[in-house]
Amino acid sequence: MESNAERKASLRAEMWERRRAMSAGDRALAGTAIAAHGVGWARSALPEGGTVTAYWSVGAEPPTTELIGGLYTAGFHVLLPVCEPERQLSWVEWHPGIGYERSAFAPIQEPVGPRLDTRAVREGDDARPPLAAIVLPATAVDIEGRRLGQGGGYYDRFLARLDDGREIPPTAAVVFDGEVLPAGGVPDEPLDRRVDAALTPSGLRSLRNMA
């Protein structure tokens, strides 16, 4: 019988095979739609000028370039992640023209700038309000909020550190439409944290978060 880790690896491989088969044109259209729905969600649900975490998509992931730019243009403070030792995340505020460098811990480019830890992101400061929402990557989600990431556990650890007795800001995982699976479609393990919504090309879909 397969373990949850083996089931996750198999599902991840299946989802990535589908992603790589998608045409560049279809992927670009999906990114434009995701941006429109994401900015609309932020404007309707978050404090004006609030702080949102996002991420820079790579390869065949659902594109987030337009989403990041759209959130910034709409007046939100957009934070992008930087991988740190022990699979933790810090955050850099994004702006047009920001520089990037190769991550020391993952095969991605990361923004260059002052780094904020989880506490600083949570609390905010004079220049930036506290964290209002979290947009995060996923390979798939199911309708009960289980999220399949890339296996590093960075975001699960970040969400766990935010769980300090106060309400965690709303979370939305970015996926293609066919990556929202039925209940139980994503195996979960003790470290895993569920998400509130799926941000897809068709719109923002609330998930039955049973966490």
C-alpha atoms as a PDB file:
ATOM      1  CA  MET A   1       0.000   0.000   0.000  1.00  0.00           C
ATOM      2  CA  GLU A   2       1.355   3.424  -0.956  1.00  0.00           C
ATOM      3  CA  SER A   3       2.299   5.848   1.793  1.00  0.00           C
ATOM      4  CA  ASN A   4       0.951   9.400   1.733  1.00  0.00           C
ATOM      5  CA  ALA A   5       4.383  10.611   0.644  1.00  0.00           C
ATOM      6  CA  GLU A   6       4.350   8.185  -2.293  1.00  0.00           C
ATOM      7  CA  ARG A   7       0.810   9.197  -3.230  1.00  0.00           C
ATOM      8  CA  LYS A   8       1.839  12.837  -3.138  1.00  0.00           C
ATOM      9  CA  ALA A   9       4.840  12.192  -5.368  1.00  0.00           C
ATOM     10  CA  SER A  10       2.687  10.320  -7.881  1.00  0.00           C
ATOM     11  CA  LEU A  11       0.011  13.035  -7.917  1.00  0.00           C
ATOM     12  CA  ARG A  12       2.632  15.764  -8.228  1.00  0.00           C
ATOM     13  CA  ALA A  13       4.181  14.016 -11.240  1.00  0.00           C
ATOM     14  CA  GLU A  14       0.750  13.652 -12.870  1.00  0.00           C
ATOM     15  CA  MET A  15      -0.104  17.319 -12.371  1.00  0.00           C
ATOM     16  CA  TRP A  16       3.242  18.503 -13.720  1.00  0.00           C
ATOM     17  CA  GLU A  17       2.904  16.303 -16.794  1.00  0.00           C
ATOM     18  CA  ARG A  18      -0.404  18.010 -17.533  1.00  0.00           C
ATOM     19  CA  ARG A  19       1.093  21.436 -16.940  1.00  0.00           C
ATOM     20  CA  ARG A  20       3.970  20.828 -19.314  1.00  0.00           C
ATOM     21  CA  ALA A  21       1.517  19.676 -22.005  1.00  0.00           C
ATOM     22  CA  MET A  22      -0.335  23.012 -21.892  1.00  0.00           C
ATOM     23  CA  SER A  23       0.436  25.424 -24.716  1.00  0.00           C
ATOM     24  CA  ALA A  24       2.251  28.670 -23.968  1.00  0.00           C
ATOM     25  CA  GLY A  25      -0.745  30.601 -25.279  1.00  0.00           C
ATOM     26  CA  ASP A  26      -3.212  28.840 -22.989  1.00  0.00           C
ATOM     27  CA  ARG A  27      -0.873  29.326 -20.048  1.00  0.00           C
ATOM     28  CA  ALA A  28      -0.608  33.058 -20.778  1.00  0.00           C
ATOM     29  CA  LEU A  29      -4.385  33.412 -20.998  1.00  0.00           C
ATOM     30  CA  ALA A  30      -4.703  31.599 -17.688  1.00  0.00           C
ATOM     31  CA  GLY A  31      -2.244  34.034 -16.102  1.00  0.00           C
ATOM     32  CA  THR A  32      -4.244  37.039 -17.298  1.00  0.00           C
ATOM     33  CA  ALA A  33      -7.461  35.578 -15.883  1.00  0.00           C
ATOM     34  CA  ILE A  34      -5.805  34.661 -12.576  1.00  0.00           C
ATOM     35  CA  ALA A  35      -4.525  38.232 -12.263  1.00  0.00           C
ATOM     36  CA  ALA A  36      -7.952  39.738 -12.875  1.00  0.00           C
ATOM     37  CA  HIS A  37      -9.652  37.489 -10.342  1.00  0.00           C
ATOM     38  CA  GLY A  38      -6.863  37.878  -7.787  1.00  0.00           C
ATOM     39  CA  VAL A  39      -6.869  41.670  -7.930  1.00  0.00           C
ATOM     40  CA  GLY A  40     -10.659  41.702  -7.777  1.00  0.00           C
ATOM     41  CA  TRP A  41     -10.592  39.485  -4.696  1.00  0.00           C
ATOM     42  CA  ALA A  42      -7.993  41.699  -3.028  1.00  0.00           C
ATOM     43  CA  ARG A  43      -9.979  44.870  -3.694  1.00  0.00           C
ATOM     44  CA  SER A  44     -13.207  43.398  -2.336  1.00  0.00           C
ATOM     45  CA  ALA A  45     -11.891  41.451   0.646  1.00  0.00           C
ATOM     46  CA  LEU A  46      -8.750  43.168   1.952  1.00  0.00           C
ATOM     47  CA  PRO A  47      -8.038  46.484   3.651  1.00  0.00           C
ATOM     48  CA  GLU A  48      -7.145  49.283   1.269  1.00  0.00           C
ATOM     49  CA  GLY A  49      -3.389  49.280   0.734  1.00  0.00           C
ATOM     50  CA  GLY A  50      -3.025  46.005   2.654  1.00  0.00           C
ATOM     51  CA  THR A  51      -0.092  43.622   2.559  1.00  0.00           C
ATOM     52  CA  VAL A  52      -0.256  40.468   0.424  1.00  0.00           C
ATOM     53  CA  THR A  53       2.298  37.714  -0.016  1.00  0.00           C
ATOM     54  CA  ALA A  54       2.634  36.353  -3.542  1.00  0.00           C
ATOM     55  CA  TYR A  55       5.341  34.440  -5.415  1.00  0.00           C
ATOM     56  CA  TRP A  56       7.130  34.524  -8.749  1.00  0.00           C
ATOM     57  CA  SER A  57       5.958  31.575 -10.868  1.00  0.00           C
ATOM     58  CA  VAL A  58       8.474  29.429 -12.739  1.00  0.00           C
ATOM     59  CA  GLY A  59       8.276  27.046 -15.687  1.00  0.00           C
ATOM     60  CA  ALA A  60       4.850  25.538 -16.281  1.00  0.00           C
ATOM     61  CA  GLU A  61       3.293  26.905 -13.094  1.00  0.00           C
ATOM     62  CA  PRO A  62       0.190  29.085 -13.412  1.00  0.00           C
ATOM     63  CA  PRO A  63       1.693  32.479 -14.297  1.00  0.00           C
ATOM     64  CA  THR A  64       1.721  35.098 -11.545  1.00  0.00           C
ATOM     65  CA  THR A  65       3.630  37.949 -13.217  1.00  0.00           C
ATOM     66  CA  GLU A  66       0.462  39.879 -14.099  1.00  0.00           C
ATOM     67  CA  LEU A  67      -1.040  39.151 -10.681  1.00  0.00           C
ATOM     68  CA  ILE A  68       1.974  40.631  -8.875  1.00  0.00           C
ATOM     69  CA  GLY A  69       1.963  43.716 -11.082  1.00  0.00           C
ATOM     70  CA  GLY A  70      -1.786  44.105 -10.770  1.00  0.00           C
ATOM     71  CA  LEU A  71      -1.730  43.929  -6.979  1.00  0.00           C
ATOM     72  CA  TYR A  72       1.024  46.518  -6.869  1.00  0.00           C
ATOM     73  CA  THR A  73      -0.810  48.844  -9.276  1.00  0.00           C
ATOM     74  CA  ALA A  74      -3.958  48.497  -7.164  1.00  0.00           C
ATOM     75  CA  GLY A  75      -2.044  49.885  -4.193  1.00  0.00           C
ATOM     76  CA  PHE A  76      -1.230  46.744  -2.232  1.00  0.00           C
ATOM     77  CA  HIS A  77       2.110  45.997  -0.602  1.00  0.00           C
ATOM     78  CA  VAL A  78       3.309  42.800  -2.297  1.00  0.00           C
ATOM     79  CA  LEU A  79       5.834  40.575  -0.531  1.00  0.00           C
ATOM     80  CA  LEU A  80       7.748  37.814  -2.340  1.00  0.00           C
ATOM     81  CA  PRO A  81       9.461  34.912  -0.559  1.00  0.00           C
ATOM     82  CA  VAL A  82      13.129  34.165  -0.006  1.00  0.00           C
ATOM     83  CA  CYS A  83      14.153  30.647   1.041  1.00  0.00           C
ATOM     84  CA  GLU A  84      16.154  30.485   4.256  1.00  0.00           C
ATOM     85  CA  PRO A  85      17.920  27.670   6.145  1.00  0.00           C
ATOM     86  CA  GLU A  86      15.794  24.977   7.814  1.00  0.00           C
ATOM     87  CA  ARG A  87      13.115  25.463   5.145  1.00  0.00           C
ATOM     88  CA  GLN A  88      11.928  28.794   6.476  1.00  0.00           C
ATOM     89  CA  LEU A  89      10.837  31.843   4.474  1.00  0.00           C
ATOM     90  CA  SER A  90      11.659  35.507   4.729  1.00  0.00           C
ATOM     91  CA  TRP A  91      10.035  38.207   2.607  1.00  0.00           C
ATOM     92  CA  VAL A  92      11.072  41.127   0.400  1.00  0.00           C
ATOM     93  CA  GLU A  93       8.684  43.872  -0.680  1.00  0.00           C
ATOM     94  CA  TRP A  94       8.266  43.871  -4.468  1.00  0.00           C
ATOM     95  CA  HIS A  95       8.311  46.918  -6.718  1.00  0.00           C
ATOM     96  CA  PRO A  96       8.854  47.383 -10.471  1.00  0.00           C
ATOM     97  CA  GLY A  97      12.524  47.138 -11.386  1.00  0.00           C
ATOM     98  CA  ILE A  98      13.523  45.124  -8.324  1.00  0.00           C
ATOM     99  CA  GLY A  99      16.618  42.953  -8.724  1.00  0.00           C
ATOM    100  CA  TYR A 100      16.768  39.167  -8.470  1.00  0.00           C
ATOM    101  CA  GLU A 101      19.412  36.598  -7.627  1.00  0.00           C
ATOM    102  CA  ARG A 102      19.629  32.817  -7.618  1.00  0.00           C
ATOM    103  CA  SER A 103      18.361  31.228  -4.422  1.00  0.00           C
ATOM    104  CA  ALA A 104      20.901  29.414  -2.280  1.00  0.00           C
ATOM    105  CA  PHE A 105      18.317  26.781  -1.355  1.00  0.00           C
ATOM    106  CA  ALA A 106      15.946  26.300  -4.319  1.00  0.00           C
ATOM    107  CA  PRO A 107      16.102  26.397  -8.152  1.00  0.00           C
ATOM    108  CA  ILE A 108      14.438  29.807  -8.358  1.00  0.00           C
ATOM    109  CA  GLN A 109      15.225  33.503  -8.633  1.00  0.00           C
ATOM    110  CA  GLU A 110      14.550  35.538  -5.503  1.00  0.00           C
ATOM    111  CA  PRO A 111      14.065  39.291  -5.007  1.00  0.00           C
ATOM    112  CA  VAL A 112      16.906  41.344  -3.580  1.00  0.00           C
ATOM    113  CA  GLY A 113      16.142  43.770  -0.757  1.00  0.00           C
ATOM    114  CA  PRO A 114      15.666  44.082   2.997  1.00  0.00           C
ATOM    115  CA  ARG A 115      14.339  40.793   4.368  1.00  0.00           C
ATOM    116  CA  LEU A 116      11.378  40.589   6.712  1.00  0.00           C
ATOM    117  CA  ASP A 117      10.833  37.621   9.000  1.00  0.00           C
ATOM    118  CA  THR A 118       7.444  36.164   9.894  1.00  0.00           C
ATOM    119  CA  ARG A 119       6.989  38.404  12.910  1.00  0.00           C
ATOM    120  CA  ALA A 120       7.749  41.566  10.921  1.00  0.00           C
ATOM    121  CA  VAL A 121       5.331  40.492   8.185  1.00  0.00           C
ATOM    122  CA  ARG A 122       2.652  39.697  10.745  1.00  0.00           C
ATOM    123  CA  GLU A 123       2.990  42.967  12.666  1.00  0.00           C
ATOM    124  CA  GLY A 124       3.694  45.457   9.858  1.00  0.00           C
ATOM    125  CA  ASP A 125       5.412  48.794  10.504  1.00  0.00           C
ATOM    126  CA  ASP A 126       5.031  52.527   9.822  1.00  0.00           C
ATOM    127  CA  ALA A 127       5.531  52.025   6.082  1.00  0.00           C
ATOM    128  CA  ARG A 128       3.601  48.791   5.602  1.00  0.00           C
ATOM    129  CA  PRO A 129       0.418  47.505   7.268  1.00  0.00           C
ATOM    130  CA  PRO A 130       0.180  44.009   8.772  1.00  0.00           C
ATOM    131  CA  LEU A 131      -0.263  40.968   6.571  1.00  0.00           C
ATOM    132  CA  ALA A 132      -3.776  40.885   5.087  1.00  0.00           C
ATOM    133  CA  ALA A 133      -3.728  37.877   2.734  1.00  0.00           C
ATOM    134  CA  ILE A 134      -1.522  35.054   1.514  1.00  0.00           C
ATOM    135  CA  VAL A 135      -1.315  33.950  -2.119  1.00  0.00           C
ATOM    136  CA  LEU A 136       0.704  30.768  -2.319  1.00  0.00           C
ATOM    137  CA  PRO A 137       1.739  28.154  -4.881  1.00  0.00           C
ATOM    138  CA  ALA A 138       0.250  24.694  -5.200  1.00  0.00           C
ATOM    139  CA  THR A 139       0.344  21.774  -7.588  1.00  0.00           C
ATOM    140  CA  ALA A 140      -3.233  20.820  -6.671  1.00  0.00           C
ATOM    141  CA  VAL A 141      -5.819  21.386  -3.964  1.00  0.00           C
ATOM    142  CA  ASP A 142      -8.937  19.489  -2.999  1.00  0.00           C
ATOM    143  CA  ILE A 143     -12.305  20.961  -2.082  1.00  0.00           C
ATOM    144  CA  GLU A 144     -11.618  20.521   1.645  1.00  0.00           C
ATOM    145  CA  GLY A 145      -8.579  22.783   1.430  1.00  0.00           C
ATOM    146  CA  ARG A 146      -5.786  20.218   1.315  1.00  0.00           C
ATOM    147  CA  ARG A 147      -2.862  21.608  -0.676  1.00  0.00           C
ATOM    148  CA  LEU A 148      -0.204  19.748  -2.640  1.00  0.00           C
ATOM    149  CA  GLY A 149       2.971  21.822  -2.746  1.00  0.00           C
ATOM    150  CA  GLN A 150       6.380  20.989  -4.185  1.00  0.00           C
ATOM    151  CA  GLY A 151       7.436  18.912  -1.193  1.00  0.00           C
ATOM    152  CA  GLY A 152       9.734  21.394   0.534  1.00  0.00           C
ATOM    153  CA  GLY A 153       7.324  22.336   3.308  1.00  0.00           C
ATOM    154  CA  TYR A 154       8.321  26.020   3.258  1.00  0.00           C
ATOM    155  CA  TYR A 155       4.785  27.389   3.193  1.00  0.00           C
ATOM    156  CA  ASP A 156       3.445  24.878   5.702  1.00  0.00           C
ATOM    157  CA  ARG A 157       6.136  26.041   8.136  1.00  0.00           C
ATOM    158  CA  PHE A 158       5.325  29.689   7.406  1.00  0.00           C
ATOM    159  CA  LEU A 159       1.616  29.137   8.081  1.00  0.00           C
ATOM    160  CA  ALA A 160       2.438  27.223  11.257  1.00  0.00           C
ATOM    161  CA  ARG A 161       4.528  30.146  12.539  1.00  0.00           C
ATOM    162  CA  LEU A 162       1.600  32.504  11.877  1.00  0.00           C
ATOM    163  CA  ASP A 163      -0.648  30.301  14.020  1.00  0.00           C
ATOM    164  CA  ASP A 164       0.020  32.178  17.262  1.00  0.00           C
ATOM    165  CA  GLY A 165      -3.506  32.279  18.618  1.00  0.00           C
ATOM    166  CA  ARG A 166      -4.637  35.069  16.290  1.00  0.00           C
ATOM    167  CA  GLU A 167      -6.620  34.534  13.129  1.00  0.00           C
ATOM    168  CA  ILE A 168      -4.431  33.594  10.175  1.00  0.00           C
ATOM    169  CA  PRO A 169      -4.966  35.897   7.161  1.00  0.00           C
ATOM    170  CA  PRO A 170      -6.991  34.359   4.303  1.00  0.00           C
ATOM    171  CA  THR A 171      -5.051  32.006   2.041  1.00  0.00           C
ATOM    172  CA  ALA A 172      -5.527  31.361  -1.687  1.00  0.00           C
ATOM    173  CA  ALA A 173      -3.553  28.744  -3.622  1.00  0.00           C
ATOM    174  CA  VAL A 174      -2.973  29.433  -7.331  1.00  0.00           C
ATOM    175  CA  VAL A 175      -3.835  26.461  -9.554  1.00  0.00           C
ATOM    176  CA  PHE A 176      -5.288  25.711 -12.956  1.00  0.00           C
ATOM    177  CA  ASP A 177      -8.977  24.796 -13.059  1.00  0.00           C
ATOM    178  CA  GLY A 178      -8.382  21.059 -13.462  1.00  0.00           C
ATOM    179  CA  GLU A 179      -6.209  21.024 -10.346  1.00  0.00           C
ATOM    180  CA  VAL A 180      -9.102  21.503  -7.902  1.00  0.00           C
ATOM    181  CA  LEU A 181      -9.776  17.901  -6.889  1.00  0.00           C
ATOM    182  CA  PRO A 182     -12.623  16.141  -5.042  1.00  0.00           C
ATOM    183  CA  ALA A 183     -12.594  15.711  -1.271  1.00  0.00           C
ATOM    184  CA  GLY A 184      -9.658  13.574  -0.216  1.00  0.00           C
ATOM    185  CA  GLY A 185      -7.972  14.055  -3.584  1.00  0.00           C
ATOM    186  CA  VAL A 186      -4.816  15.390  -1.936  1.00  0.00           C
ATOM    187  CA  PRO A 187      -3.177  13.202   0.737  1.00  0.00           C
ATOM    188  CA  ASP A 188      -2.224  15.092   3.876  1.00  0.00           C
ATOM    189  CA  GLU A 189       0.300  14.668   6.645  1.00  0.00           C
ATOM    190  CA  PRO A 190       0.674  16.219  10.124  1.00  0.00           C
ATOM    191  CA  LEU A 191       2.777  19.182   8.927  1.00  0.00           C
ATOM    192  CA  ASP A 192       0.372  20.132   6.136  1.00  0.00           C
ATOM    193  CA  ARG A 193      -1.782  23.251   6.486  1.00  0.00           C
ATOM    194  CA  ARG A 194      -5.029  23.664   4.584  1.00  0.00           C
ATOM    195  CA  VAL A 195      -5.977  26.713   2.527  1.00  0.00           C
ATOM    196  CA  ASP A 196      -9.158  28.743   2.305  1.00  0.00           C
ATOM    197  CA  ALA A 197      -9.517  29.174  -1.447  1.00  0.00           C
ATOM    198  CA  ALA A 198      -8.230  28.254  -4.886  1.00  0.00           C
ATOM    199  CA  LEU A 199      -7.366  31.115  -7.240  1.00  0.00           C
ATOM    200  CA  THR A 200      -7.968  29.720 -10.735  1.00  0.00           C
ATOM    201  CA  PRO A 201      -8.463  31.109 -14.251  1.00  0.00           C
ATOM    202  CA  SER A 202     -12.224  30.673 -13.710  1.00  0.00           C
ATOM    203  CA  GLY A 203     -12.248  32.664 -10.481  1.00  0.00           C
ATOM    204  CA  LEU A 204     -11.705  32.423  -6.753  1.00  0.00           C
ATOM    205  CA  ARG A 205     -13.206  29.213  -5.421  1.00  0.00           C
ATOM    206  CA  SER A 206     -13.869  28.892  -1.696  1.00  0.00           C
ATOM    207  CA  LEU A 207     -12.816  25.565  -0.237  1.00  0.00           C
ATOM    208  CA  ARG A 208     -14.449  23.752   2.649  1.00  0.00           C
ATOM    209  CA  ASN A 209     -11.548  24.316   5.001  1.00  0.00           C
ATOM    210  CA  MET A 210     -11.832  21.683   7.715  1.00  0.00           C
ATOM    211  CA  ALA A 211      -8.478  22.501   9.389  1.00  0.00           C
END
